[in-house]
Structure formats: C-alpha cells, structure tokens
Protein backbone atom coordinates (compact mmCIF):
# COMPACT_ATOMS: atom_id res chain seq x y z
CA MET A 1 89.24 100.97 123.32
CA THR A 2 89.88 104.27 121.47
CA HIS A 3 90.22 104.49 117.64
CA ALA A 4 91.64 107.45 115.67
CA ILE A 5 92.98 108.15 112.18
CA GLY A 6 96.14 110.04 111.25
CA GLU A 7 96.60 111.23 107.63
CA ALA A 8 99.33 113.01 105.68
CA PRO A 9 99.88 113.84 102.00
CA GLY A 10 102.75 113.15 99.66
CA LYS A 11 105.15 115.92 98.62
CA VAL A 12 107.49 117.01 95.88
CA LEU A 13 110.33 119.53 95.79
CA LEU A 14 109.66 122.37 93.45
CA ILE A 15 113.25 123.66 93.81
CA GLY A 16 116.27 123.01 96.08
CA GLU A 17 117.22 119.36 95.58
CA HIS A 18 120.57 118.64 97.18
CA ALA A 19 121.18 122.35 97.72
CA VAL A 20 118.90 122.10 100.76
CA VAL A 21 121.30 119.63 102.34
CA TYR A 22 123.94 122.42 102.34
CA GLY A 23 121.85 125.15 103.99
CA HIS A 24 120.32 126.72 100.83
CA PRO A 25 116.60 127.33 100.53
CA ALA A 26 114.17 124.91 98.97
CA ILE A 27 110.49 124.97 98.15
CA ALA A 28 108.29 121.96 98.82
CA ILE A 29 104.61 121.48 97.97
CA PRO A 30 102.10 118.88 99.16
CA VAL A 31 100.68 116.29 96.77
CA ARG A 32 97.21 115.67 98.06
CA GLY A 33 96.18 113.12 95.47
CA VAL A 34 98.28 110.51 97.37
CA GLN A 35 98.41 110.02 101.11
CA ALA A 36 99.46 107.92 104.05
CA ARG A 37 96.81 106.76 106.45
CA VAL A 38 97.34 105.32 109.88
CA GLU A 39 94.51 103.74 111.97
CA VAL A 40 95.30 103.85 115.63
CA GLU A 41 93.73 101.63 118.30
CA LEU A 42 94.55 102.02 121.98
CA THR A 43 94.39 98.48 123.47
CA ARG A 44 93.92 97.25 127.07
CA HIS A 45 96.87 94.95 126.86
CA GLY A 46 100.45 96.31 126.74
CA GLY A 47 102.80 96.19 123.79
CA MET A 48 102.66 97.49 120.26
CA GLU A 49 101.52 96.01 116.95
CA LEU A 50 102.09 97.55 113.66
CA LEU A 51 100.73 96.23 110.42
CA ALA A 52 102.18 97.64 107.26
CA PRO A 53 102.23 94.97 104.49
CA ASP A 54 102.92 97.46 101.68
CA LEU A 55 105.77 99.40 103.38
CA GLN A 56 108.81 97.84 101.87
CA GLY A 57 110.90 99.53 99.32
CA PRO A 58 114.38 100.57 98.33
CA GLU A 59 114.71 102.86 101.31
CA ALA A 60 114.37 99.95 103.69
CA LYS A 61 117.47 98.33 104.86
CA GLY A 62 117.18 94.56 105.36
CA ASP A 63 113.97 92.70 105.81
CA HIS A 64 110.48 93.96 106.58
CA ALA A 65 111.04 93.93 110.38
CA ASP A 66 114.01 96.25 109.81
CA ALA A 67 111.84 98.54 107.68
CA ILE A 68 109.14 99.00 110.25
CA ALA A 69 111.45 99.23 113.33
CA PRO A 70 111.98 102.96 113.08
CA LEU A 71 108.21 103.48 112.96
CA LEU A 72 107.74 101.41 116.05
CA ARG A 73 110.35 103.53 117.84
CA LEU A 74 108.58 106.70 116.57
CA ALA A 75 105.25 105.59 118.01
CA ASN A 76 106.90 104.75 121.33
CA SER A 77 108.52 108.21 121.37
CA VAL A 78 105.06 109.87 120.93
CA LEU A 79 103.57 107.76 123.68
CA GLU A 80 106.46 108.58 126.01
CA LEU A 81 106.22 112.22 125.27
CA PHE A 82 102.79 112.18 126.86
CA GLY A 83 103.70 109.89 129.74
CA GLU A 84 101.83 106.96 128.09
CA GLY A 85 104.85 104.65 127.52
CA SER A 86 102.96 101.61 128.94
CA GLN A 87 99.88 102.16 126.77
CA GLY A 88 99.13 99.29 124.33
CA VAL A 89 98.67 100.39 120.67
CA ARG A 90 97.79 98.74 117.42
CA LEU A 91 98.75 100.61 114.27
CA VAL A 92 97.46 99.76 110.66
CA ILE A 93 99.31 101.77 108.00
CA GLN A 94 98.07 102.13 104.44
CA SER A 95 99.76 104.42 101.84
CA THR A 96 99.25 105.24 98.23
CA ILE A 97 102.58 107.16 98.04
CA PRO A 98 105.19 105.29 95.97
CA ILE A 99 108.21 104.33 98.19
CA GLY A 100 111.67 105.63 97.27
CA HIS A 101 110.43 107.88 94.46
CA GLY A 102 110.95 111.29 95.95
CA MET A 103 107.43 111.86 97.00
CA GLY A 104 107.81 111.81 100.70
CA SER A 105 106.45 108.32 101.60
CA GLY A 106 108.58 107.94 104.73
CA ALA A 107 107.80 111.41 105.99
CA ALA A 108 104.08 111.10 105.33
CA VAL A 109 103.80 107.71 107.14
CA SER A 110 105.76 109.22 110.04
CA VAL A 111 103.62 112.27 110.32
CA ALA A 112 100.45 110.22 110.05
CA ILE A 113 101.65 107.98 112.96
CA VAL A 114 102.25 111.03 115.16
CA LYS A 115 98.93 112.68 114.25
CA GLY A 116 97.02 109.37 114.73
CA ILE A 117 98.44 108.71 118.09
CA CYS A 118 97.84 112.34 119.22
CA ALA A 119 94.26 112.02 118.02
CA ALA A 120 93.73 108.72 119.96
CA LEU A 121 95.20 110.16 123.21
CA GLY A 122 93.21 113.40 122.75
CA ARG A 123 96.43 115.50 122.71
CA THR A 124 97.69 118.11 120.30
CA LEU A 125 101.07 119.15 118.94
CA THR A 126 102.08 122.04 116.65
CA PRO A 127 103.22 121.37 113.11
CA ASP A 128 106.81 122.00 114.15
CA GLN A 129 106.54 119.45 116.92
CA VAL A 130 104.90 116.89 114.63
CA SER A 131 107.62 117.47 112.07
CA GLU A 132 110.50 117.13 114.51
CA LEU A 133 109.16 113.82 115.86
CA ALA A 134 108.65 112.47 112.39
CA LEU A 135 112.22 113.33 111.52
CA GLU A 136 113.43 110.73 114.07
CA ALA A 137 112.21 107.91 111.69
CA GLU A 138 113.36 109.71 108.59
CA ARG A 139 116.92 109.86 109.92
CA GLU A 140 116.91 106.09 110.22
CA PHE A 141 115.60 105.68 106.65
CA HIS A 142 117.69 108.37 104.87
CA GLY A 143 120.80 108.93 107.02
CA ASN A 144 121.03 112.78 106.97
CA PRO A 145 117.73 114.24 105.77
CA SER A 146 117.30 118.01 105.63
CA GLY A 147 113.95 117.82 107.35
CA VAL A 148 112.02 119.48 104.36
CA ASP A 149 109.84 116.36 103.81
CA SER A 150 108.47 116.14 107.27
CA ALA A 151 108.05 119.89 107.52
CA VAL A 152 105.87 120.23 104.31
CA VAL A 153 103.90 117.05 105.07
CA ALA A 154 103.16 118.13 108.63
CA ARG A 155 101.74 121.43 107.41
CA ASN A 156 100.04 120.38 104.22
CA GLU A 157 100.95 123.65 102.62
CA PRO A 158 103.70 124.92 100.31
CA ILE A 159 106.76 125.83 102.29
CA TYR A 160 110.01 127.81 101.89
CA PHE A 161 112.60 125.77 103.88
CA VAL A 162 116.08 126.48 105.12
CA ARG A 163 117.73 123.77 107.16
CA GLY A 164 117.94 124.56 110.85
CA LYS A 165 115.31 127.36 110.52
CA PRO A 166 111.55 127.42 111.05
CA PRO A 167 109.77 126.66 107.78
CA GLN A 168 107.76 129.46 106.22
CA THR A 169 104.40 128.82 104.67
CA ILE A 170 104.08 130.41 101.29
CA ALA A 171 100.81 132.33 100.60
CA VAL A 172 99.78 131.67 96.93
CA GLY A 173 98.75 134.81 95.04
CA SER A 174 96.01 135.14 92.44
CA GLU A 175 97.59 132.67 89.95
CA THR A 176 96.61 129.03 89.97
CA PHE A 177 99.49 126.73 89.36
CA ARG A 178 98.68 123.22 88.01
CA PHE A 179 101.17 120.49 88.09
CA LEU A 180 101.50 116.94 86.78
CA ILE A 181 103.93 114.54 88.59
CA ALA A 182 105.21 111.67 86.32
CA ASP A 183 106.81 108.75 88.11
CA THR A 184 109.45 106.84 86.18
CA GLY A 185 108.72 103.69 88.17
CA ILE A 186 112.45 103.50 88.99
CA PRO A 187 113.46 103.78 92.69
CA SER A 188 115.61 106.62 93.72
CA PRO A 189 118.15 105.67 96.41
CA THR A 190 118.28 108.91 98.39
CA TYR A 191 121.08 108.07 100.58
CA LYS A 192 123.35 106.99 97.78
CA VAL A 193 122.66 109.93 95.56
CA VAL A 194 123.17 112.46 98.40
CA ASN A 195 126.50 110.77 99.14
CA ASP A 196 127.54 110.95 95.48
CA VAL A 197 126.81 114.66 95.41
CA LYS A 198 128.90 115.07 98.48
CA ALA A 199 131.86 113.19 96.90
CA LEU A 200 131.57 115.33 93.86
CA ARG A 201 131.52 118.50 96.05
CA ASP A 202 134.67 117.15 97.88
CA ARG A 203 136.50 116.81 94.51
CA GLU A 204 135.17 120.07 92.79
CA PRO A 205 134.03 122.46 95.63
CA ALA A 206 133.92 125.62 93.64
CA ARG A 207 131.89 124.27 90.68
CA VAL A 208 129.45 122.32 92.90
CA ASP A 209 128.94 125.18 95.34
CA SER A 210 128.18 127.56 92.49
CA TYR A 211 125.33 125.21 91.33
CA LEU A 212 124.02 124.82 94.85
CA TRP A 213 124.13 128.51 95.47
CA GLU A 214 122.12 129.18 92.18
CA LEU A 215 119.48 126.64 93.18
CA GLY A 216 119.07 128.43 96.45
CA SER A 217 118.82 131.85 94.82
CA MET A 218 116.21 130.51 92.43
CA ALA A 219 114.27 129.28 95.36
CA SER A 220 113.95 132.85 96.69
CA VAL A 221 112.80 133.95 93.24
CA MET A 222 110.29 131.26 92.93
CA ARG A 223 108.81 132.03 96.31
CA GLU A 224 108.07 135.50 95.08
CA ILE A 225 106.63 134.19 91.91
CA ILE A 226 104.30 131.94 93.85
CA ARG A 227 103.24 134.90 96.00
CA GLY A 228 102.36 137.13 92.98
CA GLY A 229 104.02 136.15 89.69
CA SER A 230 102.98 134.13 86.66
CA ALA A 231 103.02 130.51 85.65
CA GLN A 232 105.29 131.46 82.71
CA GLU A 233 107.90 132.82 85.08
CA LEU A 234 107.71 129.76 87.24
CA GLY A 235 108.15 127.53 84.34
CA VAL A 236 111.39 129.31 83.22
CA CYS A 237 112.87 128.63 86.66
CA MET A 238 111.88 125.05 86.68
CA ASN A 239 113.59 124.47 83.37
CA HIS A 240 116.72 126.15 84.46
CA SER A 241 116.65 124.28 87.73
CA HIS A 242 116.51 120.86 85.88
CA GLY A 243 119.63 121.94 83.73
CA ILE A 244 121.64 122.53 86.90
CA LEU A 245 120.57 119.30 88.38
CA ARG A 246 121.75 117.55 85.21
CA GLU A 247 125.12 119.27 85.70
CA LEU A 248 125.31 117.80 89.17
CA GLY A 249 124.87 114.39 87.75
CA VAL A 250 121.61 113.51 89.47
CA SER A 251 119.18 113.27 86.67
CA SER A 252 118.86 110.32 84.32
CA SER A 253 117.86 109.58 80.70
CA ASP A 254 114.44 108.48 81.93
CA LEU A 255 113.83 111.67 83.80
CA ASP A 256 115.33 113.78 80.97
CA ARG A 257 112.98 112.12 78.48
CA LEU A 258 109.94 112.96 80.55
CA VAL A 259 111.12 116.59 81.02
CA GLU A 260 111.61 117.06 77.33
CA ALA A 261 108.30 115.51 76.56
CA ALA A 262 106.51 117.76 79.11
CA VAL A 263 107.93 120.91 77.67
CA GLU A 264 107.45 119.97 74.02
CA LYS A 265 103.86 118.87 74.51
CA GLY A 266 102.52 121.94 76.22
CA GLY A 267 103.95 122.20 79.64
CA LEU A 268 105.36 125.61 80.75
CA GLY A 269 108.42 124.08 82.57
CA ALA A 270 109.49 120.79 83.96
CA LYS A 271 112.23 119.26 86.27
CA MET A 272 113.20 116.15 88.17
CA THR A 273 112.00 116.25 91.77
CA GLY A 274 113.74 114.45 94.69
CA ALA A 275 117.13 112.96 94.90
CA GLY A 276 117.21 111.90 91.35
CA ARG A 277 118.47 108.95 89.17
CA GLY A 278 114.97 107.67 89.27
CA GLY A 279 111.81 108.71 91.00
CA ALA A 280 109.57 111.49 89.52
CA MET A 281 109.48 114.53 87.43
CA ILE A 282 107.11 117.47 87.92
CA ALA A 283 105.71 119.53 85.05
CA LEU A 284 103.90 122.94 85.21
CA LEU A 285 100.76 123.25 83.03
CA GLY A 286 99.65 126.42 81.33
CA SER A 287 96.18 127.69 81.25
CA ALA A 288 95.68 126.24 77.75
CA THR A 289 97.45 122.97 78.52
CA ASP A 290 95.23 119.91 78.06
CA GLU A 291 96.03 117.84 81.10
CA GLU A 292 94.65 114.57 79.81
CA ARG A 293 96.61 114.82 76.52
CA LEU A 294 99.86 115.73 78.28
CA SER A 295 99.31 112.81 80.61
CA ALA A 296 99.02 110.47 77.59
CA GLU A 297 102.29 112.00 76.12
CA LEU A 298 104.12 111.47 79.39
CA ARG A 299 103.06 107.79 79.52
CA LEU A 300 104.31 107.39 75.95
CA ALA A 301 107.56 108.86 77.18
CA GLY A 302 107.86 106.26 79.87
CA ALA A 303 105.85 107.49 82.95
CA GLN A 304 104.52 104.55 85.00
CA GLU A 305 102.19 106.58 87.13
CA ILE A 306 100.89 110.21 86.94
CA TYR A 307 99.60 112.35 89.77
CA SER A 308 98.36 115.92 89.86
CA THR A 309 98.50 118.68 92.40
CA THR A 310 97.46 122.45 92.45
CA LEU A 311 98.65 125.51 94.18
CA GLY A 312 96.10 128.41 94.49
CA GLY A 313 92.71 128.60 92.96
CA GLY A 314 90.87 128.88 96.24
C-alpha cells in the first residue's frame, strides 16, 4: 500500500468580492495558519472510501453523503486522468478552515485531495491543472464560482485574478503586510448572496456596474501597492472597498462592527472578505499595531475566532 499527504491553506479575498464574478480583477491571499489535510492510501481492493466527519456546513446541500459526493467524484476524476480508475483509494480529510465563512474551505479540501492523490501515484500536475480539477467540486458546492479560491489555494501565493485568464502571482515588495482575520461565526451562504447581487444588478445595472468597476480598478491599484507601496496606502483601499461592498448590500451589522473596531483600535484598514452577510473580516495592521491587543478588541466586538497571515517579510 502507498500512503501520501496532500495539504492546502485557507484563503481570503483582499479585494474584488462579487466584482470577480463579472470579469473584474480580484486579489486573493493564502491564510497559512489554517489548512486542509488529506491522507491518501492506495488500497489493493477496489472502490473508494472517504472519511470526513467534520466536513458538513452551510455550503453542503442535504445530508453528509451529499456533502462529500463532489469530493468522491473529484478523486475519481484525478485517478481517471492518470488511467488509474480501477485503483482503490482511502481518503481521510481533516480541516481547520471554517466552512462557509469565506476562507476557501471547499477549495482547500479539493486541492488537498488532488495533491494527495498525485503524491500517492507519484505523478505531478501544474498549479493550473490542480486548480482546474479542484474547480469541479467547487462548482457543485457554489454553483458558479469564479475560480479564484482554487487558484490561490493551489499556488499558496498572493494572486491577481481575472476570470477566464491565467492567475498572476504577485511579488511582494520590501513592505511587510500583517493581517488579522476575524470570523463572525456566522455562516455566509455564497450561492444566495451571489444570486442576490445578480438580482440587484438586473434591477439597477448602471449603479451596480459602477461599483463593480470601481472594485476592479482598486484591485489593479492594490497590486501595485503590494509590489512596492506602503501599508498605509493599502489600508486606504481596504476601507474604501468595504464602503462599496456595503452599498452593494453584502455586508452586515456584525461585519461592520468588526471593521469599525479594527480601524478605531489601531488597524490601518479593514473590510469584509468573501461573499458577505456573515463570514469574516480582514484587518491590516500597522508597524506599531499591537496584534494581541487588537485581537482582544475584535473579540469584544464579536469575533468568534481570529487568524493571522502575512505577506512579505522574507
């Protein structure tokens, strides 16, 4: 028997929520403090066994069997890609990424499955190939995902993403960008929120398109800031982005409260991340920001869990 491990980080969107669905740019960054881990065992008997007792959340439709069915189909697709469709496989999935909170849980599990099976078979795929395979399962979970989640998770690097085009890895300049991610503990139903934005756009196309265009334009600006600008500049863009997302109706009182607390208590900028109406907020820390103190303030403002991630700094 052959054993192997596949791993993938969580992720958050730094800019581009909802705009990315309509072809505008987005920036996504990995959150390496949380991860999905898949242990793969090639077995002598045929068939496939998948154990994932903690993978049931708001994105799953129906019972637990329905929730893991797309993952089984994904694993089978990887085996068939290499002409190993009859190979028996046992998969054990563990994940510390909250489900349905905008942190890429589904994408990370899917990418970890692809990487784990490749490792067990002694095969390799490019990040683009891994991402495209993982997107199969994401489509079943989310309906019409842009593909940004699987792209950033497969690369484990910050990316500039435009739907239908190859993702571009962003090289971080001399600045170190420190972030806290505060989870409201409230599930964010991606499929429903995306559909609500579509309905609003159908009713008010000019207004909504102007907001989406502005988010996309800021993504290009923020890419250049990450490459060679300052944390202060990035914070301004994050604050403005959150204001636009509020106008689109995808924020919530819980998210707004966390954003306000982050900015008032030492953060340089903050915004919701993900589909919205739940899920998480991301705050940018300044060089003088006390991370422990800000974390405590965010908990007082309602954060259920807090994670950290960094861009740059070696």
